[in-house]
Amino acid sequence: TRVEIDAILDEQIMSLNKVMSMKVGETMMLNATPDSKIEMRCGGVPLLRGRMGRVGSSVSVRVDEAVQRTDASKGL
């Protein structure tokens, strides 16, 4: 089975107006550092956390921990 995994570097809340007014080439600053934990999700469900790294010319994530699922998320 193949699944899509999203690596979440940072999340921010901003107005739709600000998002819609962004132009090609504009820089969005993230609140993440090279040491920040990255969360990996499948279908919006958090599964794993790790740290970003590099293997050769590829970006990688080293898994540090599995996310503990709550009773509410087990039904998903």
N, C-alpha and C. Protein backbone atom coordinates (compact mmCIF):
# COMPACT_ATOMS: atom_id res chain seq x y z
N THR A 1 0.84 -1.18 0.00
CA THR A 1 0.00 0.00 0.00
C THR A 1 0.88 1.23 0.00
N ARG A 2 0.49 2.20 -0.80
CA ARG A 2 1.20 3.49 -0.83
C ARG A 2 0.35 4.52 -0.11
N VAL A 3 0.97 5.32 0.74
CA VAL A 3 0.27 6.39 1.44
C VAL A 3 1.05 7.69 1.27
N GLU A 4 0.34 8.78 1.32
CA GLU A 4 0.97 10.10 1.24
C GLU A 4 1.26 10.58 2.65
N ILE A 5 2.50 10.98 2.91
CA ILE A 5 2.91 11.50 4.21
C ILE A 5 3.31 12.96 4.02
N ASP A 6 2.75 13.84 4.85
CA ASP A 6 3.09 15.26 4.82
C ASP A 6 4.06 15.54 5.96
N ALA A 7 5.16 16.24 5.67
CA ALA A 7 6.11 16.68 6.69
C ALA A 7 5.81 18.14 7.00
N ILE A 8 5.35 18.43 8.21
CA ILE A 8 4.93 19.77 8.60
C ILE A 8 6.10 20.47 9.27
N LEU A 9 6.64 21.48 8.60
CA LEU A 9 7.76 22.25 9.15
C LEU A 9 7.29 23.30 10.15
N ASP A 10 6.14 23.93 9.85
CA ASP A 10 5.63 25.02 10.68
C ASP A 10 4.18 25.27 10.28
N GLU A 11 3.40 25.80 11.18
CA GLU A 11 2.03 26.22 10.88
C GLU A 11 1.84 27.63 11.40
N GLN A 12 1.15 28.44 10.62
CA GLN A 12 0.91 29.83 11.00
C GLN A 12 -0.54 30.19 10.71
N ILE A 13 -1.05 31.13 11.46
CA ILE A 13 -2.38 31.67 11.21
C ILE A 13 -2.18 33.06 10.60
N MET A 14 -2.80 33.27 9.45
CA MET A 14 -2.75 34.58 8.81
C MET A 14 -4.05 34.81 8.07
N SER A 15 -4.31 36.06 7.76
CA SER A 15 -5.57 36.38 7.10
C SER A 15 -5.55 35.89 5.65
N LEU A 16 -6.73 35.59 5.15
CA LEU A 16 -6.86 35.17 3.76
C LEU A 16 -6.38 36.29 2.84
N ASN A 17 -6.62 37.54 3.22
CA ASN A 17 -6.16 38.68 2.42
C ASN A 17 -4.64 38.68 2.27
N LYS A 18 -3.93 38.39 3.36
CA LYS A 18 -2.46 38.36 3.29
C LYS A 18 -1.99 37.22 2.38
N VAL A 19 -2.62 36.05 2.51
CA VAL A 19 -2.24 34.92 1.66
C VAL A 19 -2.50 35.24 0.20
N MET A 20 -3.66 35.82 -0.10
CA MET A 20 -4.03 36.12 -1.48
C MET A 20 -3.18 37.23 -2.09
N SER A 21 -2.59 38.08 -1.24
CA SER A 21 -1.77 39.18 -1.76
C SER A 21 -0.30 38.80 -1.94
N MET A 22 0.06 37.57 -1.59
CA MET A 22 1.45 37.13 -1.76
C MET A 22 1.78 37.03 -3.24
N LYS A 23 3.01 37.37 -3.57
CA LYS A 23 3.46 37.36 -4.95
C LYS A 23 4.56 36.31 -5.14
N VAL A 24 4.73 35.86 -6.36
CA VAL A 24 5.78 34.90 -6.69
C VAL A 24 7.13 35.48 -6.27
N GLY A 25 7.93 34.70 -5.57
CA GLY A 25 9.24 35.13 -5.12
C GLY A 25 9.25 35.74 -3.74
N GLU A 26 8.07 36.01 -3.18
CA GLU A 26 7.98 36.58 -1.84
C GLU A 26 8.41 35.52 -0.82
N THR A 27 9.04 35.94 0.25
CA THR A 27 9.53 35.03 1.29
C THR A 27 8.60 35.03 2.48
N MET A 28 8.24 33.84 2.94
CA MET A 28 7.45 33.69 4.17
C MET A 28 8.38 33.14 5.24
N MET A 29 8.52 33.86 6.32
CA MET A 29 9.39 33.43 7.40
C MET A 29 8.67 32.39 8.25
N LEU A 30 9.37 31.32 8.58
CA LEU A 30 8.83 30.25 9.41
C LEU A 30 9.38 30.39 10.82
N ASN A 31 8.64 29.89 11.79
CA ASN A 31 9.08 29.90 13.18
C ASN A 31 9.83 28.61 13.51
N ALA A 32 10.47 28.03 12.53
CA ALA A 32 11.21 26.78 12.72
C ALA A 32 12.70 27.04 12.59
N THR A 33 13.47 26.26 13.32
CA THR A 33 14.93 26.31 13.23
C THR A 33 15.42 24.95 12.75
N PRO A 34 16.69 24.83 12.42
CA PRO A 34 17.20 23.51 12.02
C PRO A 34 17.02 22.44 13.09
N ASP A 35 16.85 22.85 14.36
CA ASP A 35 16.67 21.89 15.46
C ASP A 35 15.20 21.64 15.80
N SER A 36 14.28 22.33 15.12
CA SER A 36 12.86 22.16 15.41
C SER A 36 12.39 20.76 15.03
N LYS A 37 11.43 20.26 15.80
CA LYS A 37 10.82 18.96 15.47
C LYS A 37 9.87 19.14 14.28
N ILE A 38 9.85 18.16 13.42
CA ILE A 38 8.96 18.12 12.27
C ILE A 38 7.93 17.04 12.55
N GLU A 39 6.66 17.35 12.29
CA GLU A 39 5.61 16.36 12.49
C GLU A 39 5.22 15.78 11.14
N MET A 40 5.10 14.48 11.07
CA MET A 40 4.68 13.81 9.84
C MET A 40 3.26 13.32 10.02
N ARG A 41 2.40 13.65 9.03
CA ARG A 41 0.98 13.32 9.11
C ARG A 41 0.55 12.56 7.87
N CYS A 42 -0.46 11.75 8.05
CA CYS A 42 -1.11 11.04 6.95
C CYS A 42 -2.59 11.36 7.03
N GLY A 43 -3.13 12.01 6.00
CA GLY A 43 -4.53 12.39 6.02
C GLY A 43 -4.86 13.33 7.16
N GLY A 44 -3.91 14.17 7.56
CA GLY A 44 -4.12 15.11 8.65
C GLY A 44 -3.93 14.51 10.03
N VAL A 45 -3.66 13.21 10.11
CA VAL A 45 -3.49 12.54 11.40
C VAL A 45 -2.00 12.49 11.74
N PRO A 46 -1.59 13.09 12.88
CA PRO A 46 -0.18 13.04 13.28
C PRO A 46 0.27 11.61 13.57
N LEU A 47 1.41 11.22 12.98
CA LEU A 47 1.93 9.86 13.18
C LEU A 47 3.29 9.84 13.84
N LEU A 48 4.21 10.68 13.36
CA LEU A 48 5.60 10.63 13.79
C LEU A 48 6.16 12.03 13.96
N ARG A 49 7.22 12.14 14.77
CA ARG A 49 7.97 13.38 14.90
C ARG A 49 9.44 13.07 14.69
N GLY A 50 10.14 14.03 14.12
CA GLY A 50 11.56 13.83 13.89
C GLY A 50 12.26 15.14 13.61
N ARG A 51 13.49 15.02 13.15
CA ARG A 51 14.30 16.21 12.85
C ARG A 51 14.73 16.17 11.39
N MET A 52 14.74 17.36 10.79
CA MET A 52 15.13 17.47 9.40
C MET A 52 16.64 17.33 9.28
N GLY A 53 17.06 16.70 8.21
CA GLY A 53 18.48 16.53 7.94
C GLY A 53 18.72 16.45 6.45
N ARG A 54 19.85 15.90 6.08
CA ARG A 54 20.21 15.79 4.68
C ARG A 54 20.97 14.49 4.47
N VAL A 55 20.65 13.81 3.39
CA VAL A 55 21.38 12.63 2.96
C VAL A 55 21.79 12.89 1.52
N GLY A 56 23.07 13.17 1.33
CA GLY A 56 23.54 13.56 0.00
C GLY A 56 22.88 14.86 -0.40
N SER A 57 22.22 14.88 -1.56
CA SER A 57 21.55 16.10 -2.02
C SER A 57 20.06 16.08 -1.69
N SER A 58 19.61 15.09 -0.92
CA SER A 58 18.19 14.98 -0.57
C SER A 58 17.93 15.46 0.85
N VAL A 59 16.76 16.06 1.06
CA VAL A 59 16.33 16.43 2.40
C VAL A 59 15.71 15.18 3.03
N SER A 60 15.98 14.98 4.33
CA SER A 60 15.48 13.79 5.01
C SER A 60 14.86 14.16 6.35
N VAL A 61 14.16 13.21 6.95
CA VAL A 61 13.64 13.38 8.31
C VAL A 61 14.04 12.13 9.09
N ARG A 62 14.75 12.33 10.20
CA ARG A 62 15.09 11.22 11.09
C ARG A 62 13.98 11.09 12.13
N VAL A 63 13.31 9.98 12.16
CA VAL A 63 12.19 9.76 13.07
C VAL A 63 12.73 9.60 14.49
N ASP A 64 12.21 10.43 15.40
CA ASP A 64 12.61 10.37 16.81
C ASP A 64 11.56 9.69 17.68
N GLU A 65 10.28 9.84 17.30
CA GLU A 65 9.22 9.30 18.16
C GLU A 65 7.93 9.12 17.37
N ALA A 66 7.10 8.21 17.86
CA ALA A 66 5.75 8.04 17.34
C ALA A 66 4.83 8.92 18.16
N VAL A 67 3.83 9.51 17.52
CA VAL A 67 2.86 10.36 18.22
C VAL A 67 1.86 9.45 18.93
N GLN A 68 1.65 9.72 20.22
CA GLN A 68 0.67 8.95 20.99
C GLN A 68 -0.72 9.37 20.54
N ARG A 69 -1.53 8.41 20.11
CA ARG A 69 -2.88 8.70 19.65
C ARG A 69 -3.82 8.75 20.83
N THR A 70 -4.74 9.72 20.79
CA THR A 70 -5.77 9.83 21.83
C THR A 70 -6.95 8.96 21.46
N ASP A 71 -7.86 8.73 22.39
CA ASP A 71 -9.07 7.95 22.11
C ASP A 71 -9.86 8.55 20.96
N ALA A 72 -9.91 9.88 20.88
CA ALA A 72 -10.67 10.56 19.82
C ALA A 72 -10.05 10.31 18.45
N SER A 73 -8.71 10.23 18.36
CA SER A 73 -8.07 10.04 17.06
C SER A 73 -8.05 8.60 16.62
N LYS A 74 -8.29 7.65 17.52
CA LYS A 74 -8.26 6.23 17.15
C LYS A 74 -9.40 5.84 16.23
N GLY A 75 -10.47 6.61 16.25
CA GLY A 75 -11.61 6.31 15.39
C GLY A 75 -11.41 6.77 13.96
N LEU A 76 -10.34 7.53 13.68
CA LEU A 76 -10.10 8.05 12.33
C LEU A 76 -9.56 7.01 11.40
